[in-house]
Amino acid sequence: HPISIVKNEIVEIFNRIGFVISEGPEIEDDWHNFSALNLPEEHPARDMQDTFFIKNPETLLRTHTSSVQVRFMENNTPPIRTISPGRVYRNEAISSRAHCIFHQIEGLYIDHNVSFADLKQVLLYFAKEMFGEDSKIRLRPSYFPFTEPSAEVDIKWKKGWLEILGCGMVHPNVLEMSGINSKKYSGFAFGLGPER
């Protein structure tokens, strides 16, 4: 399937620089999907319009593979370098460009003295491997509750720019909630949706 081909290519690119695959459940709890990712109770992503809840508000279909990263941080000590491919579910309108079931590939790197410059270099490496040696990227400021600072990444495409992923430095609250000392370690995270 075209999505599997692209997913496998992306995973292979990150495998070459030491990222290991981590997987987790598609039926998730509130803690791993929201709370441990610094999403407060009133955050719009917790709304019924975005999330498929199962039986109660504590059990749901995961809305991103960031929940896999939380589980990985809880069960591993830094250095951490992992990539989490998988299906995710969002209660959104289905159109020719989007579906309520889609795929994400999220990456996480945590170690001593990880910087935003490290993040940029990893993403530039990815772009050159995926789209060709002449690829150029730009980072635009954005907001995600689980990263600070956060950015959207665009690739130079034909005569303009095309958004390919979101990223940022892992928020210290996320590290602490997963049992990692944020004064000792820092890290970055990124996520992309192959069919989006």
N, C-alpha and C. Protein backbone atom coordinates (compact mmCIF):
# COMPACT_ATOMS: atom_id res chain seq x y z
N HIS A 1 0.85 -1.18 0.00
CA HIS A 1 0.00 0.00 0.00
C HIS A 1 0.89 1.24 0.00
N PRO A 2 0.50 2.30 -0.72
CA PRO A 2 1.34 3.51 -0.78
C PRO A 2 1.68 4.08 0.60
N ILE A 3 0.74 4.05 1.54
CA ILE A 3 1.03 4.58 2.87
C ILE A 3 2.08 3.73 3.56
N SER A 4 1.99 2.42 3.42
CA SER A 4 3.00 1.52 4.02
C SER A 4 4.37 1.75 3.41
N ILE A 5 4.42 1.95 2.11
CA ILE A 5 5.71 2.21 1.44
C ILE A 5 6.35 3.48 1.98
N VAL A 6 5.57 4.55 2.08
CA VAL A 6 6.09 5.83 2.59
C VAL A 6 6.48 5.70 4.06
N LYS A 7 5.62 5.06 4.86
CA LYS A 7 5.92 4.86 6.29
C LYS A 7 7.23 4.12 6.45
N ASN A 8 7.40 3.03 5.72
CA ASN A 8 8.63 2.24 5.83
C ASN A 8 9.86 3.03 5.41
N GLU A 9 9.72 3.86 4.40
CA GLU A 9 10.85 4.70 3.97
C GLU A 9 11.23 5.71 5.05
N ILE A 10 10.22 6.33 5.65
CA ILE A 10 10.48 7.31 6.72
C ILE A 10 11.14 6.62 7.91
N VAL A 11 10.61 5.48 8.33
CA VAL A 11 11.19 4.74 9.46
C VAL A 11 12.63 4.36 9.16
N GLU A 12 12.91 3.90 7.96
CA GLU A 12 14.28 3.51 7.58
C GLU A 12 15.24 4.70 7.64
N ILE A 13 14.80 5.86 7.21
CA ILE A 13 15.65 7.07 7.27
C ILE A 13 16.04 7.35 8.72
N PHE A 14 15.08 7.29 9.63
CA PHE A 14 15.40 7.57 11.03
C PHE A 14 16.15 6.42 11.70
N ASN A 15 15.93 5.18 11.26
CA ASN A 15 16.71 4.04 11.77
C ASN A 15 18.20 4.25 11.52
N ARG A 16 18.52 4.83 10.36
CA ARG A 16 19.93 5.02 9.99
C ARG A 16 20.66 5.96 10.94
N ILE A 17 19.92 6.80 11.66
CA ILE A 17 20.57 7.70 12.62
C ILE A 17 20.21 7.32 14.07
N GLY A 18 19.88 6.05 14.28
CA GLY A 18 19.76 5.52 15.63
C GLY A 18 18.40 5.52 16.28
N PHE A 19 17.34 5.88 15.56
CA PHE A 19 16.00 5.86 16.14
C PHE A 19 15.46 4.43 16.08
N VAL A 20 14.98 3.93 17.22
CA VAL A 20 14.38 2.60 17.28
C VAL A 20 12.86 2.75 17.24
N ILE A 21 12.18 1.73 16.76
CA ILE A 21 10.71 1.77 16.68
C ILE A 21 10.11 1.45 18.04
N SER A 22 9.11 2.23 18.44
CA SER A 22 8.33 1.93 19.63
C SER A 22 6.86 1.91 19.23
N GLU A 23 6.12 1.00 19.83
CA GLU A 23 4.70 0.86 19.53
C GLU A 23 3.90 0.87 20.82
N GLY A 24 2.62 1.21 20.70
CA GLY A 24 1.75 1.24 21.88
C GLY A 24 0.32 0.98 21.48
N PRO A 25 -0.57 0.94 22.47
CA PRO A 25 -1.97 0.59 22.21
C PRO A 25 -2.72 1.68 21.46
N GLU A 26 -3.66 1.26 20.63
CA GLU A 26 -4.53 2.21 19.93
C GLU A 26 -5.69 2.64 20.82
N ILE A 27 -6.09 1.78 21.76
CA ILE A 27 -7.07 2.16 22.78
C ILE A 27 -6.25 2.64 23.96
N GLU A 28 -6.45 3.91 24.30
CA GLU A 28 -5.55 4.57 25.24
C GLU A 28 -6.33 5.16 26.42
N ASP A 29 -5.60 5.53 27.47
CA ASP A 29 -6.23 6.21 28.61
C ASP A 29 -5.93 7.71 28.54
N ASP A 30 -6.70 8.46 29.31
CA ASP A 30 -6.57 9.91 29.32
C ASP A 30 -5.16 10.35 29.71
N TRP A 31 -4.55 9.70 30.67
CA TRP A 31 -3.22 10.09 31.15
C TRP A 31 -2.21 10.09 30.01
N HIS A 32 -2.10 8.98 29.29
CA HIS A 32 -1.08 8.87 28.24
C HIS A 32 -1.39 9.70 27.01
N ASN A 33 -2.67 9.87 26.71
CA ASN A 33 -3.05 10.61 25.50
C ASN A 33 -3.11 12.12 25.71
N PHE A 34 -3.44 12.56 26.93
CA PHE A 34 -3.61 13.99 27.17
C PHE A 34 -2.79 14.52 28.34
N SER A 35 -3.10 14.08 29.56
CA SER A 35 -2.53 14.70 30.76
C SER A 35 -1.01 14.68 30.79
N ALA A 36 -0.38 13.55 30.49
CA ALA A 36 1.08 13.45 30.53
C ALA A 36 1.74 14.25 29.42
N LEU A 37 0.94 14.75 28.47
CA LEU A 37 1.46 15.56 27.38
C LEU A 37 1.17 17.05 27.58
N ASN A 38 0.86 17.41 28.84
CA ASN A 38 0.70 18.81 29.20
C ASN A 38 -0.55 19.43 28.56
N LEU A 39 -1.57 18.61 28.30
CA LEU A 39 -2.84 19.12 27.78
C LEU A 39 -3.79 19.31 28.95
N PRO A 40 -4.07 20.54 29.34
CA PRO A 40 -4.94 20.78 30.49
C PRO A 40 -6.37 20.32 30.22
N GLU A 41 -7.13 20.17 31.31
CA GLU A 41 -8.52 19.69 31.22
C GLU A 41 -9.35 20.45 30.21
N GLU A 42 -9.15 21.76 30.09
CA GLU A 42 -9.99 22.58 29.22
C GLU A 42 -9.49 22.67 27.78
N HIS A 43 -8.44 21.92 27.43
CA HIS A 43 -7.88 22.00 26.08
C HIS A 43 -8.89 21.49 25.05
N PRO A 44 -9.06 22.19 23.92
CA PRO A 44 -10.06 21.80 22.91
C PRO A 44 -9.88 20.39 22.36
N ALA A 45 -8.67 19.86 22.35
CA ALA A 45 -8.45 18.51 21.81
C ALA A 45 -9.14 17.45 22.65
N ARG A 46 -9.51 17.78 23.87
CA ARG A 46 -10.22 16.83 24.72
C ARG A 46 -11.71 16.79 24.39
N ASP A 47 -12.17 17.70 23.57
CA ASP A 47 -13.58 17.81 23.22
C ASP A 47 -14.06 16.59 22.44
N MET A 48 -15.33 16.28 22.56
CA MET A 48 -15.92 15.16 21.82
C MET A 48 -15.75 15.33 20.31
N GLN A 49 -15.65 16.56 19.81
CA GLN A 49 -15.54 16.74 18.36
C GLN A 49 -14.20 16.24 17.82
N ASP A 50 -13.20 16.07 18.66
CA ASP A 50 -11.89 15.62 18.19
C ASP A 50 -11.56 14.19 18.61
N THR A 51 -12.18 13.70 19.66
CA THR A 51 -11.77 12.44 20.27
C THR A 51 -12.91 11.42 20.24
N PHE A 52 -12.55 10.18 19.92
CA PHE A 52 -13.50 9.07 20.03
C PHE A 52 -13.34 8.45 21.40
N PHE A 53 -14.30 8.74 22.31
CA PHE A 53 -14.26 8.15 23.63
C PHE A 53 -14.94 6.79 23.61
N ILE A 54 -14.45 5.88 24.43
CA ILE A 54 -15.02 4.54 24.51
C ILE A 54 -15.57 4.35 25.92
N LYS A 55 -16.86 4.24 26.06
CA LYS A 55 -17.58 3.99 27.30
C LYS A 55 -17.53 5.16 28.28
N ASN A 56 -16.38 5.78 28.48
CA ASN A 56 -16.25 6.86 29.45
C ASN A 56 -15.16 7.83 29.01
N PRO A 57 -15.05 8.99 29.65
CA PRO A 57 -14.05 9.98 29.21
C PRO A 57 -12.60 9.57 29.52
N GLU A 58 -12.41 8.45 30.22
CA GLU A 58 -11.05 8.02 30.56
C GLU A 58 -10.46 7.03 29.55
N THR A 59 -11.29 6.49 28.67
CA THR A 59 -10.85 5.51 27.68
C THR A 59 -11.20 6.02 26.29
N LEU A 60 -10.22 5.99 25.39
CA LEU A 60 -10.42 6.60 24.08
C LEU A 60 -9.53 5.95 23.03
N LEU A 61 -9.84 6.24 21.77
CA LEU A 61 -8.93 5.87 20.69
C LEU A 61 -7.86 6.95 20.62
N ARG A 62 -6.60 6.57 20.58
CA ARG A 62 -5.53 7.58 20.64
C ARG A 62 -5.68 8.58 19.50
N THR A 63 -5.42 9.84 19.82
CA THR A 63 -5.53 10.90 18.84
C THR A 63 -4.19 11.25 18.21
N HIS A 64 -3.12 10.68 18.73
CA HIS A 64 -1.77 10.87 18.19
C HIS A 64 -0.87 9.77 18.75
N THR A 65 0.26 9.55 18.12
CA THR A 65 1.18 8.53 18.63
C THR A 65 2.11 9.10 19.69
N SER A 66 1.88 10.33 20.12
CA SER A 66 2.63 10.89 21.25
C SER A 66 2.41 10.07 22.51
N SER A 67 1.26 9.41 22.62
CA SER A 67 1.01 8.55 23.78
C SER A 67 2.03 7.42 23.85
N VAL A 68 2.49 6.96 22.70
CA VAL A 68 3.52 5.91 22.66
C VAL A 68 4.82 6.46 23.23
N GLN A 69 5.13 7.72 22.92
CA GLN A 69 6.34 8.35 23.43
C GLN A 69 6.30 8.44 24.96
N VAL A 70 5.13 8.79 25.52
CA VAL A 70 4.99 8.86 26.97
C VAL A 70 5.29 7.49 27.58
N ARG A 71 4.69 6.44 27.02
CA ARG A 71 4.92 5.09 27.53
C ARG A 71 6.40 4.72 27.43
N PHE A 72 7.05 5.11 26.34
CA PHE A 72 8.47 4.80 26.15
C PHE A 72 9.31 5.53 27.21
N MET A 73 9.00 6.81 27.46
CA MET A 73 9.75 7.56 28.48
C MET A 73 9.55 6.96 29.87
N GLU A 74 8.34 6.48 30.15
CA GLU A 74 8.06 5.89 31.47
C GLU A 74 8.86 4.61 31.70
N ASN A 75 9.20 3.91 30.63
CA ASN A 75 9.82 2.60 30.75
C ASN A 75 11.29 2.54 30.31
N ASN A 76 11.87 3.68 29.95
CA ASN A 76 13.25 3.71 29.49
C ASN A 76 13.95 4.94 30.07
N THR A 77 15.25 4.83 30.24
CA THR A 77 16.01 5.97 30.72
C THR A 77 16.80 6.57 29.56
N PRO A 78 17.03 7.88 29.62
CA PRO A 78 17.81 8.52 28.55
C PRO A 78 19.23 7.96 28.50
N PRO A 79 19.87 7.96 27.35
CA PRO A 79 19.40 8.58 26.11
C PRO A 79 18.27 7.79 25.46
N ILE A 80 17.32 8.53 24.92
CA ILE A 80 16.16 7.96 24.22
C ILE A 80 16.16 8.52 22.81
N ARG A 81 16.01 7.61 21.85
CA ARG A 81 15.89 8.00 20.45
C ARG A 81 14.93 7.00 19.82
N THR A 82 13.67 7.42 19.68
CA THR A 82 12.66 6.48 19.21
C THR A 82 11.73 7.14 18.19
N ILE A 83 11.16 6.29 17.36
CA ILE A 83 10.18 6.73 16.37
C ILE A 83 8.95 5.84 16.52
N SER A 84 7.76 6.46 16.50
CA SER A 84 6.51 5.76 16.79
C SER A 84 5.54 5.89 15.63
N PRO A 85 5.54 4.91 14.72
CA PRO A 85 4.56 4.94 13.63
C PRO A 85 3.26 4.24 14.06
N GLY A 86 2.13 4.71 13.57
CA GLY A 86 0.89 4.01 13.88
C GLY A 86 -0.34 4.76 13.44
N ARG A 87 -1.49 4.05 13.56
CA ARG A 87 -2.79 4.65 13.25
C ARG A 87 -3.26 5.50 14.41
N VAL A 88 -3.95 6.59 14.06
CA VAL A 88 -4.57 7.46 15.06
C VAL A 88 -5.98 7.79 14.61
N TYR A 89 -6.79 8.29 15.56
CA TYR A 89 -8.21 8.46 15.31
C TYR A 89 -8.65 9.82 15.83
N ARG A 90 -9.34 10.56 14.97
CA ARG A 90 -9.91 11.85 15.38
C ARG A 90 -11.30 11.98 14.81
N ASN A 91 -12.21 12.44 15.63
CA ASN A 91 -13.60 12.59 15.25
C ASN A 91 -13.75 13.86 14.41
N GLU A 92 -13.31 13.77 13.17
CA GLU A 92 -13.31 14.91 12.25
C GLU A 92 -14.14 14.58 11.00
N ALA A 93 -14.52 15.62 10.29
CA ALA A 93 -15.26 15.42 9.05
C ALA A 93 -14.37 14.73 8.02
N ILE A 94 -14.93 13.77 7.32
CA ILE A 94 -14.20 13.05 6.28
C ILE A 94 -14.34 13.83 4.97
N SER A 95 -13.20 14.02 4.31
CA SER A 95 -13.19 14.74 3.03
C SER A 95 -12.20 14.06 2.09
N SER A 96 -12.04 14.62 0.90
CA SER A 96 -11.08 14.05 -0.05
C SER A 96 -9.64 14.23 0.43
N ARG A 97 -9.42 15.11 1.40
CA ARG A 97 -8.06 15.39 1.90
C ARG A 97 -7.80 14.83 3.28
N ALA A 98 -8.85 14.39 3.99
CA ALA A 98 -8.66 13.94 5.37
C ALA A 98 -9.68 12.86 5.74
N HIS A 99 -9.28 11.99 6.64
CA HIS A 99 -10.14 10.93 7.13
C HIS A 99 -10.04 10.92 8.65
N CYS A 100 -11.02 10.30 9.32
CA CYS A 100 -10.98 10.25 10.78
C CYS A 100 -9.99 9.21 11.29
N ILE A 101 -9.55 8.32 10.42
CA ILE A 101 -8.49 7.36 10.73
C ILE A 101 -7.33 7.68 9.80
N PHE A 102 -6.17 7.94 10.37
CA PHE A 102 -4.99 8.23 9.55
C PHE A 102 -3.74 7.77 10.29
N HIS A 103 -2.61 7.99 9.72
CA HIS A 103 -1.34 7.53 10.29
C HIS A 103 -0.47 8.69 10.72
N GLN A 104 0.31 8.45 11.76
CA GLN A 104 1.32 9.40 12.20
C GLN A 104 2.63 8.67 12.40
N ILE A 105 3.70 9.41 12.26
CA ILE A 105 5.02 8.93 12.63
C ILE A 105 5.62 10.03 13.48
N GLU A 106 5.85 9.71 14.75
CA GLU A 106 6.39 10.71 15.66
C GLU A 106 7.75 10.26 16.15
N GLY A 107 8.65 11.22 16.31
CA GLY A 107 10.00 10.95 16.79
C GLY A 107 10.27 11.67 18.09
N LEU A 108 11.15 11.08 18.89
CA LEU A 108 11.52 11.63 20.19
C LEU A 108 12.99 11.37 20.43
N TYR A 109 13.70 12.42 20.84
CA TYR A 109 15.12 12.28 21.19
C TYR A 109 15.36 13.03 22.49
N ILE A 110 15.86 12.32 23.51
CA ILE A 110 16.15 12.91 24.81
C ILE A 110 17.55 12.48 25.25
N ASP A 111 18.33 13.47 25.69
CA ASP A 111 19.69 13.21 26.16
C ASP A 111 20.18 14.46 26.89
N HIS A 112 21.42 14.48 27.28
CA HIS A 112 22.01 15.67 27.87
C HIS A 112 22.21 16.72 26.78
N ASN A 113 21.87 17.97 27.07
CA ASN A 113 22.18 19.11 26.20
C ASN A 113 21.63 19.03 24.77
N VAL A 114 20.47 18.45 24.59
CA VAL A 114 19.84 18.42 23.27
C VAL A 114 19.29 19.82 23.00
N SER A 115 19.54 20.35 21.82
CA SER A 115 19.16 21.72 21.51
C SER A 115 18.22 21.79 20.30
N PHE A 116 17.67 22.98 20.09
CA PHE A 116 16.84 23.22 18.91
C PHE A 116 17.66 23.07 17.64
N ALA A 117 18.95 23.41 17.70
CA ALA A 117 19.84 23.23 16.54
C ALA A 117 19.95 21.76 16.17
N ASP A 118 19.99 20.88 17.19
CA ASP A 118 20.01 19.43 16.92
C ASP A 118 18.74 19.01 16.19
N LEU A 119 17.60 19.52 16.66
CA LEU A 119 16.32 19.22 16.01
C LEU A 119 16.34 19.65 14.55
N LYS A 120 16.79 20.87 14.30
CA LYS A 120 16.81 21.39 12.93
C LYS A 120 17.70 20.53 12.03
N GLN A 121 18.84 20.10 12.53
CA GLN A 121 19.75 19.29 11.71
C GLN A 121 19.17 17.92 11.40
N VAL A 122 18.48 17.30 12.38
CA VAL A 122 17.85 16.00 12.14
C VAL A 122 16.76 16.15 11.09
N LEU A 123 15.97 17.21 11.17
CA LEU A 123 14.88 17.41 10.20
C LEU A 123 15.41 17.75 8.81
N LEU A 124 16.51 18.49 8.74
CA LEU A 124 17.13 18.77 7.44
C LEU A 124 17.68 17.49 6.83
N TYR A 125 18.30 16.65 7.66
CA TYR A 125 18.78 15.34 7.19
C TYR A 125 17.60 14.54 6.62
N PHE A 126 16.49 14.50 7.37
CA PHE A 126 15.31 13.77 6.91
C PHE A 126 14.83 14.29 5.57
N ALA A 127 14.71 15.60 5.44
CA ALA A 127 14.21 16.20 4.20
C ALA A 127 15.10 15.84 3.02
N LYS A 128 16.40 15.90 3.21
CA LYS A 128 17.34 15.58 2.12
C LYS A 128 17.27 14.10 1.73
N GLU A 129 17.10 13.24 2.73
CA GLU A 129 16.99 11.80 2.44
C GLU A 129 15.66 11.46 1.77
N MET A 130 14.60 12.11 2.19
CA MET A 130 13.25 11.79 1.70
C MET A 130 12.95 12.47 0.37
N PHE A 131 13.35 13.73 0.24
CA PHE A 131 12.94 14.52 -0.92
C PHE A 131 14.08 14.90 -1.86
N GLY A 132 15.31 14.57 -1.51
CA GLY A 132 16.44 14.86 -2.38
C GLY A 132 17.45 15.80 -1.75
N GLU A 133 18.68 15.65 -2.17
CA GLU A 133 19.81 16.38 -1.59
C GLU A 133 19.66 17.90 -1.65
N ASP A 134 18.94 18.42 -2.62
CA ASP A 134 18.78 19.87 -2.77
C ASP A 134 17.64 20.45 -1.91
N SER A 135 17.02 19.62 -1.10
CA SER A 135 15.86 20.06 -0.30
C SER A 135 16.23 21.17 0.67
N LYS A 136 15.29 22.09 0.81
CA LYS A 136 15.43 23.18 1.76
C LYS A 136 14.21 23.16 2.68
N ILE A 137 14.45 23.47 3.97
CA ILE A 137 13.35 23.54 4.93
C ILE A 137 13.33 24.92 5.58
N ARG A 138 12.16 25.25 6.12
CA ARG A 138 12.05 26.44 6.97
C ARG A 138 11.19 26.06 8.17
N LEU A 139 11.46 26.69 9.29
CA LEU A 139 10.70 26.46 10.51
C LEU A 139 9.94 27.74 10.85
N ARG A 140 8.63 27.58 11.10
CA ARG A 140 7.77 28.70 11.48
C ARG A 140 7.29 28.49 12.91
N PRO A 141 7.26 29.53 13.73
CA PRO A 141 6.77 29.38 15.10
C PRO A 141 5.35 28.81 15.12
N SER A 142 5.08 27.98 16.11
CA SER A 142 3.76 27.37 16.25
C SER A 142 3.50 27.14 17.74
N TYR A 143 2.45 26.40 18.05
CA TYR A 143 2.14 26.08 19.44
C TYR A 143 1.66 24.64 19.54
N PHE A 144 2.28 23.89 20.43
CA PHE A 144 1.81 22.58 20.85
C PHE A 144 2.00 22.53 22.37
N PRO A 145 1.03 22.03 23.13
CA PRO A 145 1.17 22.02 24.59
C PRO A 145 2.34 21.19 25.10
N PHE A 146 2.78 20.21 24.31
CA PHE A 146 3.82 19.29 24.77
C PHE A 146 5.23 19.70 24.36
N THR A 147 5.38 20.78 23.60
CA THR A 147 6.70 21.28 23.23
C THR A 147 6.78 22.79 23.45
N GLU A 148 8.00 23.26 23.75
CA GLU A 148 8.23 24.69 23.93
C GLU A 148 9.72 24.98 23.77
N PRO A 149 10.14 25.69 22.74
CA PRO A 149 9.32 26.28 21.69
C PRO A 149 8.84 25.22 20.70
N SER A 150 7.84 25.59 19.93
CA SER A 150 7.25 24.70 18.93
C SER A 150 7.37 25.32 17.55
N ALA A 151 7.35 24.47 16.52
CA ALA A 151 7.47 24.98 15.14
C ALA A 151 6.74 24.07 14.17
N GLU A 152 6.35 24.65 13.04
CA GLU A 152 5.88 23.89 11.88
C GLU A 152 7.03 23.90 10.89
N VAL A 153 7.22 22.79 10.18
CA VAL A 153 8.32 22.68 9.22
C VAL A 153 7.74 22.60 7.82
N ASP A 154 8.25 23.46 6.95
CA ASP A 154 7.87 23.48 5.55
C ASP A 154 9.06 23.05 4.71
N ILE A 155 8.77 22.44 3.57
CA ILE A 155 9.81 22.10 2.60
C ILE A 155 9.56 22.92 1.34
N LYS A 156 10.64 23.37 0.72
CA LYS A 156 10.53 24.10 -0.54
C LYS A 156 9.99 23.13 -1.58
N TRP A 157 8.84 23.47 -2.17
CA TRP A 157 8.17 22.55 -3.08
C TRP A 157 7.72 23.30 -4.32
N LYS A 158 8.29 22.94 -5.45
CA LYS A 158 8.00 23.59 -6.72
C LYS A 158 8.20 25.10 -6.56
N LYS A 159 7.13 25.90 -6.64
CA LYS A 159 7.29 27.35 -6.56
C LYS A 159 6.90 27.92 -5.20
N GLY A 160 6.68 27.06 -4.21
CA GLY A 160 6.25 27.56 -2.90
C GLY A 160 6.76 26.68 -1.78
N TRP A 161 6.07 26.73 -0.66
CA TRP A 161 6.42 25.96 0.52
C TRP A 161 5.27 25.04 0.87
N LEU A 162 5.60 23.81 1.34
CA LEU A 162 4.61 22.82 1.72
C LEU A 162 4.90 22.37 3.15
N GLU A 163 3.89 22.48 4.02
CA GLU A 163 4.06 22.04 5.41
C GLU A 163 4.17 20.52 5.46
N ILE A 164 5.17 20.00 6.19
CA ILE A 164 5.34 18.55 6.26
C ILE A 164 5.26 17.98 7.68
N LEU A 165 5.49 18.81 8.72
CA LEU A 165 5.43 18.26 10.07
C LEU A 165 5.44 19.36 11.12
N GLY A 166 5.14 18.96 12.35
CA GLY A 166 5.24 19.84 13.51
C GLY A 166 6.33 19.31 14.42
N CYS A 167 6.92 20.21 15.23
CA CYS A 167 8.04 19.79 16.06
C CYS A 167 8.26 20.77 17.21
N GLY A 168 9.21 20.47 18.06
CA GLY A 168 9.60 21.38 19.11
C GLY A 168 10.44 20.69 20.17
N MET A 169 10.87 21.49 21.12
CA MET A 169 11.61 20.97 22.27
C MET A 169 10.60 20.43 23.28
N VAL A 170 10.86 19.24 23.81
CA VAL A 170 9.92 18.61 24.74
C VAL A 170 9.75 19.52 25.96
N HIS A 171 8.49 19.82 26.29
CA HIS A 171 8.18 20.68 27.42
C HIS A 171 8.70 20.02 28.71
N PRO A 172 9.35 20.78 29.59
CA PRO A 172 9.85 20.20 30.84
C PRO A 172 8.77 19.48 31.65
N ASN A 173 7.53 19.97 31.61
CA ASN A 173 6.43 19.29 32.32
C ASN A 173 6.23 17.87 31.80
N VAL A 174 6.37 17.67 30.49
CA VAL A 174 6.20 16.34 29.89
C VAL A 174 7.30 15.41 30.38
N LEU A 175 8.53 15.92 30.40
CA LEU A 175 9.64 15.10 30.91
C LEU A 175 9.39 14.70 32.36
N GLU A 176 9.05 15.66 33.19
CA GLU A 176 8.84 15.39 34.62
C GLU A 176 7.69 14.40 34.85
N MET A 177 6.57 14.57 34.10
CA MET A 177 5.42 13.67 34.28
C MET A 177 5.76 12.24 33.85
N SER A 178 6.79 12.09 33.01
CA SER A 178 7.21 10.76 32.57
C SER A 178 8.38 10.22 33.39
N GLY A 179 8.74 10.94 34.44
CA GLY A 179 9.79 10.47 35.33
C GLY A 179 11.21 10.80 34.89
N ILE A 180 11.37 11.81 34.03
CA ILE A 180 12.69 12.20 33.54
C ILE A 180 13.02 13.59 34.11
N ASN A 181 14.18 13.73 34.68
CA ASN A 181 14.62 14.97 35.30
C ASN A 181 14.87 16.03 34.23
N SER A 182 14.02 17.06 34.21
CA SER A 182 14.13 18.09 33.17
C SER A 182 15.30 19.04 33.40
N LYS A 183 15.92 19.00 34.58
CA LYS A 183 17.10 19.82 34.83
C LYS A 183 18.35 19.13 34.30
N LYS A 184 18.26 17.83 34.13
CA LYS A 184 19.40 17.03 33.67
C LYS A 184 19.31 16.71 32.18
N TYR A 185 18.08 16.56 31.67
CA TYR A 185 17.88 16.13 30.29
C TYR A 185 16.99 17.12 29.53
N SER A 186 17.21 17.18 28.23
CA SER A 186 16.33 17.93 27.33
C SER A 186 16.10 17.06 26.10
N GLY A 187 15.15 17.47 25.28
CA GLY A 187 14.90 16.66 24.10
C GLY A 187 14.01 17.37 23.11
N PHE A 188 13.85 16.74 21.96
CA PHE A 188 12.94 17.26 20.96
C PHE A 188 12.00 16.17 20.50
N ALA A 189 10.88 16.62 19.92
CA ALA A 189 9.89 15.70 19.36
C ALA A 189 9.41 16.27 18.04
N PHE A 190 8.96 15.38 17.17
CA PHE A 190 8.40 15.81 15.89
C PHE A 190 7.35 14.80 15.48
N GLY A 191 6.43 15.22 14.62
CA GLY A 191 5.41 14.32 14.15
C GLY A 191 4.91 14.70 12.77
N LEU A 192 4.67 13.68 11.97
CA LEU A 192 4.16 13.91 10.62
C LEU A 192 3.12 12.88 10.28
N GLY A 193 2.24 13.24 9.36
CA GLY A 193 1.19 12.34 8.90
C GLY A 193 1.40 12.04 7.43
N PRO A 194 1.82 10.84 7.08
CA PRO A 194 2.14 10.54 5.67
C PRO A 194 1.05 10.85 4.67
N GLU A 195 -0.22 10.56 5.00
CA GLU A 195 -1.27 10.82 4.00
C GLU A 195 -1.84 12.21 4.11
N ARG A 196 -1.44 12.98 5.09
CA ARG A 196 -1.95 14.35 5.23
C ARG A 196 -0.94 15.31 4.67
